[in-house]
Amino acid sequence: MNERATTTDARTLESLEDIWPLQAALNERAGFDTAGLGRALVEAEAAGDQQRAAELRTQVGRALKNYLDALVSECHELQDCLSWKHWYQEAKEGRQYELQDLQNARVEATDMLFFWISICQLLGMDCQDIYRLYAKKLRINHKRQDEGRTQAEHDDHENENRSIV
């Protein structure tokens, strides 16, 4: 067994594919069928069922807002591992970006993964979708860097994201 692998519920976790169903089960346990809702939306969209898709987009939107709020909260908790507030002594000494608690920062980053996966599930995405979209977006990001684009040009190039399928 891989040294980095962890056993949970008699499963060995070695990849994103191993984590995906566990997150769906955890969400279901809490009363949210993120994977099922995301699949239903994709199926309704594919079938051209506009009324059902509209209803599901509202349900997904409501759930998405909840998971985004949770993700943002975890981001703030990770930020709190730094002495970023300008009135703290560390900031006054020029150490405002000093990482104060590495272990807690790691846990907060992992908490972010829980919510990120849930968001992906709500959007009807699986691991293969993530890999495929990441590869395409990576090419765009390299192109943007190669072209030396500026922040001011951001909106002019947002259609590149919409072209990713």
C-alpha atoms as a PDB file:
ATOM      1  CA  MET A   1       0.000   0.000   0.000  1.00  0.00           C
ATOM      2  CA  ASN A   2       1.146   3.518  -0.801  1.00  0.00           C
ATOM      3  CA  GLU A   3       2.587   5.320   2.259  1.00  0.00           C
ATOM      4  CA  ARG A   4       0.374   8.313   1.597  1.00  0.00           C
ATOM      5  CA  ALA A   5      -2.810   6.273   1.282  1.00  0.00           C
ATOM      6  CA  THR A   6      -5.376   6.317   4.048  1.00  0.00           C
ATOM      7  CA  THR A   7      -7.973   3.688   4.834  1.00  0.00           C
ATOM      8  CA  THR A   8     -11.513   4.913   5.433  1.00  0.00           C
ATOM      9  CA  ASP A   9     -14.641   2.774   5.344  1.00  0.00           C
ATOM     10  CA  ALA A  10     -12.477  -0.169   4.204  1.00  0.00           C
ATOM     11  CA  ARG A  11     -11.367   1.814   1.145  1.00  0.00           C
ATOM     12  CA  THR A  12      -7.869   2.827   0.274  1.00  0.00           C
ATOM     13  CA  LEU A  13      -7.719   6.432  -0.829  1.00  0.00           C
ATOM     14  CA  GLU A  14      -5.144   6.918  -3.537  1.00  0.00           C
ATOM     15  CA  SER A  15      -6.815   9.185  -6.088  1.00  0.00           C
ATOM     16  CA  LEU A  16      -9.512  11.738  -6.643  1.00  0.00           C
ATOM     17  CA  GLU A  17     -11.687   8.941  -8.004  1.00  0.00           C
ATOM     18  CA  ASP A  18     -11.547   7.248  -4.586  1.00  0.00           C
ATOM     19  CA  ILE A  19     -12.595  10.435  -2.783  1.00  0.00           C
ATOM     20  CA  TRP A  20     -15.468  11.406  -5.098  1.00  0.00           C
ATOM     21  CA  PRO A  21     -18.039   8.778  -3.962  1.00  0.00           C
ATOM     22  CA  LEU A  22     -17.071   9.231  -0.311  1.00  0.00           C
ATOM     23  CA  GLN A  23     -17.862  12.938  -0.548  1.00  0.00           C
ATOM     24  CA  ALA A  24     -21.183  12.185  -2.233  1.00  0.00           C
ATOM     25  CA  ALA A  25     -22.014   9.755   0.588  1.00  0.00           C
ATOM     26  CA  LEU A  26     -20.980  12.283   3.248  1.00  0.00           C
ATOM     27  CA  ASN A  27     -23.209  14.901   1.639  1.00  0.00           C
ATOM     28  CA  GLU A  28     -26.128  12.457   1.433  1.00  0.00           C
ATOM     29  CA  ARG A  29     -25.617  11.632   5.104  1.00  0.00           C
ATOM     30  CA  ALA A  30     -26.087  15.346   5.826  1.00  0.00           C
ATOM     31  CA  GLY A  31     -29.224  15.436   3.667  1.00  0.00           C
ATOM     32  CA  PHE A  32     -27.763  16.817   0.424  1.00  0.00           C
ATOM     33  CA  ASP A  33     -27.587  14.641  -2.681  1.00  0.00           C
ATOM     34  CA  THR A  34     -25.007  16.742  -4.508  1.00  0.00           C
ATOM     35  CA  ALA A  35     -24.068  14.032  -7.004  1.00  0.00           C
ATOM     36  CA  GLY A  36     -27.686  13.091  -7.727  1.00  0.00           C
ATOM     37  CA  LEU A  37     -28.775  16.694  -8.160  1.00  0.00           C
ATOM     38  CA  GLY A  38     -25.876  17.410 -10.502  1.00  0.00           C
ATOM     39  CA  ARG A  39     -26.603  14.274 -12.564  1.00  0.00           C
ATOM     40  CA  ALA A  40     -30.306  15.175 -12.776  1.00  0.00           C
ATOM     41  CA  LEU A  41     -29.449  18.649 -14.067  1.00  0.00           C
ATOM     42  CA  VAL A  42     -27.097  17.281 -16.723  1.00  0.00           C
ATOM     43  CA  GLU A  43     -29.706  14.728 -17.805  1.00  0.00           C
ATOM     44  CA  ALA A  44     -32.501  17.319 -18.018  1.00  0.00           C
ATOM     45  CA  GLU A  45     -30.277  19.658 -20.029  1.00  0.00           C
ATOM     46  CA  ALA A  46     -29.242  16.824 -22.377  1.00  0.00           C
ATOM     47  CA  ALA A  47     -32.871  15.743 -22.843  1.00  0.00           C
ATOM     48  CA  GLY A  48     -33.916  19.291 -23.669  1.00  0.00           C
ATOM     49  CA  ASP A  49     -36.434  19.304 -20.806  1.00  0.00           C
ATOM     50  CA  GLN A  50     -36.372  23.066 -20.272  1.00  0.00           C
ATOM     51  CA  GLN A  51     -38.938  23.158 -17.470  1.00  0.00           C
ATOM     52  CA  ARG A  52     -37.221  20.431 -15.441  1.00  0.00           C
ATOM     53  CA  ALA A  53     -33.794  21.949 -16.147  1.00  0.00           C
ATOM     54  CA  ALA A  54     -34.988  25.356 -14.933  1.00  0.00           C
ATOM     55  CA  GLU A  55     -36.322  23.830 -11.709  1.00  0.00           C
ATOM     56  CA  LEU A  56     -33.058  21.959 -11.187  1.00  0.00           C
ATOM     57  CA  ARG A  57     -30.934  25.038 -11.931  1.00  0.00           C
ATOM     58  CA  THR A  58     -32.753  26.793  -9.084  1.00  0.00           C
ATOM     59  CA  GLN A  59     -32.170  23.860  -6.720  1.00  0.00           C
ATOM     60  CA  VAL A  60     -28.528  23.602  -7.774  1.00  0.00           C
ATOM     61  CA  GLY A  61     -28.125  27.371  -7.408  1.00  0.00           C
ATOM     62  CA  ARG A  62     -29.473  27.301  -3.866  1.00  0.00           C
ATOM     63  CA  ALA A  63     -27.197  24.410  -2.890  1.00  0.00           C
ATOM     64  CA  LEU A  64     -24.274  25.975  -4.749  1.00  0.00           C
ATOM     65  CA  LYS A  65     -24.661  29.167  -2.715  1.00  0.00           C
ATOM     66  CA  ASN A  66     -24.512  27.154   0.509  1.00  0.00           C
ATOM     67  CA  TYR A  67     -21.396  25.265  -0.562  1.00  0.00           C
ATOM     68  CA  LEU A  68     -19.729  28.435  -1.839  1.00  0.00           C
ATOM     69  CA  ASP A  69     -20.374  30.121   1.497  1.00  0.00           C
ATOM     70  CA  ALA A  70     -18.798  27.140   3.252  1.00  0.00           C
ATOM     71  CA  LEU A  71     -15.806  27.194   0.901  1.00  0.00           C
ATOM     72  CA  VAL A  72     -15.295  30.918   1.455  1.00  0.00           C
ATOM     73  CA  SER A  73     -15.436  30.328   5.200  1.00  0.00           C
ATOM     74  CA  GLU A  74     -12.689  27.730   4.902  1.00  0.00           C
ATOM     75  CA  CYS A  75     -10.632  30.200   2.844  1.00  0.00           C
ATOM     76  CA  HIS A  76     -10.953  32.709   5.684  1.00  0.00           C
ATOM     77  CA  GLU A  77      -9.943  30.068   8.207  1.00  0.00           C
ATOM     78  CA  LEU A  78      -6.864  29.334   6.114  1.00  0.00           C
ATOM     79  CA  GLN A  79      -6.094  33.050   5.907  1.00  0.00           C
ATOM     80  CA  ASP A  80      -6.291  33.204   9.692  1.00  0.00           C
ATOM     81  CA  CYS A  81      -3.208  30.953   9.780  1.00  0.00           C
ATOM     82  CA  LEU A  82      -1.345  34.120   8.737  1.00  0.00           C
ATOM     83  CA  SER A  83      -0.859  37.253  10.847  1.00  0.00           C
ATOM     84  CA  TRP A  84      -2.409  39.363   8.106  1.00  0.00           C
ATOM     85  CA  LYS A  85      -4.223  41.971  10.176  1.00  0.00           C
ATOM     86  CA  HIS A  86      -2.306  45.223   9.981  1.00  0.00           C
ATOM     87  CA  TRP A  87      -2.640  45.991  13.698  1.00  0.00           C
ATOM     88  CA  TYR A  88      -1.014  42.756  14.918  1.00  0.00           C
ATOM     89  CA  GLN A  89       2.512  42.988  16.218  1.00  0.00           C
ATOM     90  CA  GLU A  90       3.691  40.541  13.546  1.00  0.00           C
ATOM     91  CA  ALA A  91       2.418  42.869  10.815  1.00  0.00           C
ATOM     92  CA  LYS A  92       4.053  45.865  12.431  1.00  0.00           C
ATOM     93  CA  GLU A  93       7.300  43.881  12.378  1.00  0.00           C
ATOM     94  CA  GLY A  94       6.847  43.066   8.672  1.00  0.00           C
ATOM     95  CA  ARG A  95       5.871  39.433   9.337  1.00  0.00           C
ATOM     96  CA  GLN A  96       2.185  39.670   8.310  1.00  0.00           C
ATOM     97  CA  TYR A  97       2.532  36.843   5.814  1.00  0.00           C
ATOM     98  CA  GLU A  98       4.322  34.489   8.168  1.00  0.00           C
ATOM     99  CA  LEU A  99       2.521  31.149   8.350  1.00  0.00           C
ATOM    100  CA  GLN A 100       1.666  30.681  12.021  1.00  0.00           C
ATOM    101  CA  ASP A 101       0.123  27.210  12.030  1.00  0.00           C
ATOM    102  CA  LEU A 102       1.199  24.879   9.223  1.00  0.00           C
ATOM    103  CA  GLN A 103      -0.787  21.889  10.472  1.00  0.00           C
ATOM    104  CA  ASN A 104      -4.026  23.829  10.782  1.00  0.00           C
ATOM    105  CA  ALA A 105      -3.391  25.380   7.344  1.00  0.00           C
ATOM    106  CA  ARG A 106      -3.150  21.875   5.888  1.00  0.00           C
ATOM    107  CA  VAL A 107      -6.434  20.871   7.520  1.00  0.00           C
ATOM    108  CA  GLU A 108      -8.174  24.031   6.284  1.00  0.00           C
ATOM    109  CA  ALA A 109      -6.929  23.351   2.731  1.00  0.00           C
ATOM    110  CA  THR A 110      -8.323  19.826   3.029  1.00  0.00           C
ATOM    111  CA  ASP A 111     -11.643  21.218   4.287  1.00  0.00           C
ATOM    112  CA  MET A 112     -11.710  23.359   1.147  1.00  0.00           C
ATOM    113  CA  LEU A 113     -11.392  20.168  -0.905  1.00  0.00           C
ATOM    114  CA  PHE A 114     -14.534  18.756   0.724  1.00  0.00           C
ATOM    115  CA  PHE A 115     -16.574  21.739  -0.428  1.00  0.00           C
ATOM    116  CA  TRP A 116     -14.862  22.001  -3.819  1.00  0.00           C
ATOM    117  CA  ILE A 117     -15.768  18.397  -4.640  1.00  0.00           C
ATOM    118  CA  SER A 118     -19.343  19.033  -3.508  1.00  0.00           C
ATOM    119  CA  ILE A 119     -19.550  22.040  -5.814  1.00  0.00           C
ATOM    120  CA  CYS A 120     -18.223  20.002  -8.731  1.00  0.00           C
ATOM    121  CA  GLN A 121     -20.806  17.302  -8.019  1.00  0.00           C
ATOM    122  CA  LEU A 122     -23.605  19.878  -7.979  1.00  0.00           C
ATOM    123  CA  LEU A 123     -22.447  21.042 -11.402  1.00  0.00           C
ATOM    124  CA  GLY A 124     -22.695  17.473 -12.700  1.00  0.00           C
ATOM    125  CA  MET A 125     -18.944  16.997 -12.969  1.00  0.00           C
ATOM    126  CA  ASP A 126     -16.963  13.846 -12.304  1.00  0.00           C
ATOM    127  CA  CYS A 127     -13.213  13.306 -12.020  1.00  0.00           C
ATOM    128  CA  GLN A 128     -12.778  12.818 -15.757  1.00  0.00           C
ATOM    129  CA  ASP A 129     -14.526  16.145 -16.371  1.00  0.00           C
ATOM    130  CA  ILE A 130     -12.133  17.823 -13.951  1.00  0.00           C
ATOM    131  CA  TYR A 131      -9.055  16.340 -15.645  1.00  0.00           C
ATOM    132  CA  ARG A 132     -10.346  17.240 -19.118  1.00  0.00           C
ATOM    133  CA  LEU A 133     -11.344  20.800 -18.190  1.00  0.00           C
ATOM    134  CA  TYR A 134      -8.127  21.350 -16.251  1.00  0.00           C
ATOM    135  CA  ALA A 135      -6.023  20.355 -19.247  1.00  0.00           C
ATOM    136  CA  LYS A 136      -7.941  22.702 -21.548  1.00  0.00           C
ATOM    137  CA  LYS A 137      -7.881  25.592 -19.080  1.00  0.00           C
ATOM    138  CA  LEU A 138      -4.156  25.033 -18.464  1.00  0.00           C
ATOM    139  CA  ARG A 139      -3.509  25.564 -22.182  1.00  0.00           C
ATOM    140  CA  ILE A 140      -5.492  28.817 -22.061  1.00  0.00           C
ATOM    141  CA  ASN A 141      -3.616  30.006 -18.966  1.00  0.00           C
ATOM    142  CA  HIS A 142      -0.254  29.269 -20.611  1.00  0.00           C
ATOM    143  CA  LYS A 143      -1.402  31.177 -23.695  1.00  0.00           C
ATOM    144  CA  ARG A 144      -2.458  34.133 -21.550  1.00  0.00           C
ATOM    145  CA  GLN A 145       0.921  34.196 -19.815  1.00  0.00           C
ATOM    146  CA  ASP A 146       2.801  33.777 -23.094  1.00  0.00           C
ATOM    147  CA  GLU A 147       0.903  36.742 -24.539  1.00  0.00           C
ATOM    148  CA  GLY A 148       1.657  38.875 -21.478  1.00  0.00           C
ATOM    149  CA  ARG A 149      -1.964  39.764 -20.923  1.00  0.00           C
ATOM    150  CA  THR A 150      -2.958  42.344 -18.355  1.00  0.00           C
ATOM    151  CA  GLN A 151      -5.711  42.476 -15.753  1.00  0.00           C
ATOM    152  CA  ALA A 152      -7.394  45.213 -17.786  1.00  0.00           C
ATOM    153  CA  GLU A 153      -7.776  42.768 -20.689  1.00  0.00           C
ATOM    154  CA  HIS A 154      -9.433  40.077 -18.557  1.00  0.00           C
ATOM    155  CA  ASP A 155     -13.019  40.694 -19.663  1.00  0.00           C
ATOM    156  CA  ASP A 156     -11.957  40.776 -23.323  1.00  0.00           C
ATOM    157  CA  HIS A 157     -10.806  37.153 -23.072  1.00  0.00           C
ATOM    158  CA  GLU A 158     -13.489  35.622 -20.857  1.00  0.00           C
ATOM    159  CA  ASN A 159     -15.095  33.964 -23.904  1.00  0.00           C
ATOM    160  CA  GLU A 160     -12.115  31.595 -23.964  1.00  0.00           C
ATOM    161  CA  ASN A 161     -13.546  30.008 -20.825  1.00  0.00           C
ATOM    162  CA  ARG A 162     -16.958  29.616 -22.418  1.00  0.00           C
ATOM    163  CA  SER A 163     -15.413  27.752 -25.341  1.00  0.00           C
ATOM    164  CA  ILE A 164     -14.056  24.984 -23.091  1.00  0.00           C
ATOM    165  CA  VAL A 165     -16.179  21.823 -23.365  1.00  0.00           C
END
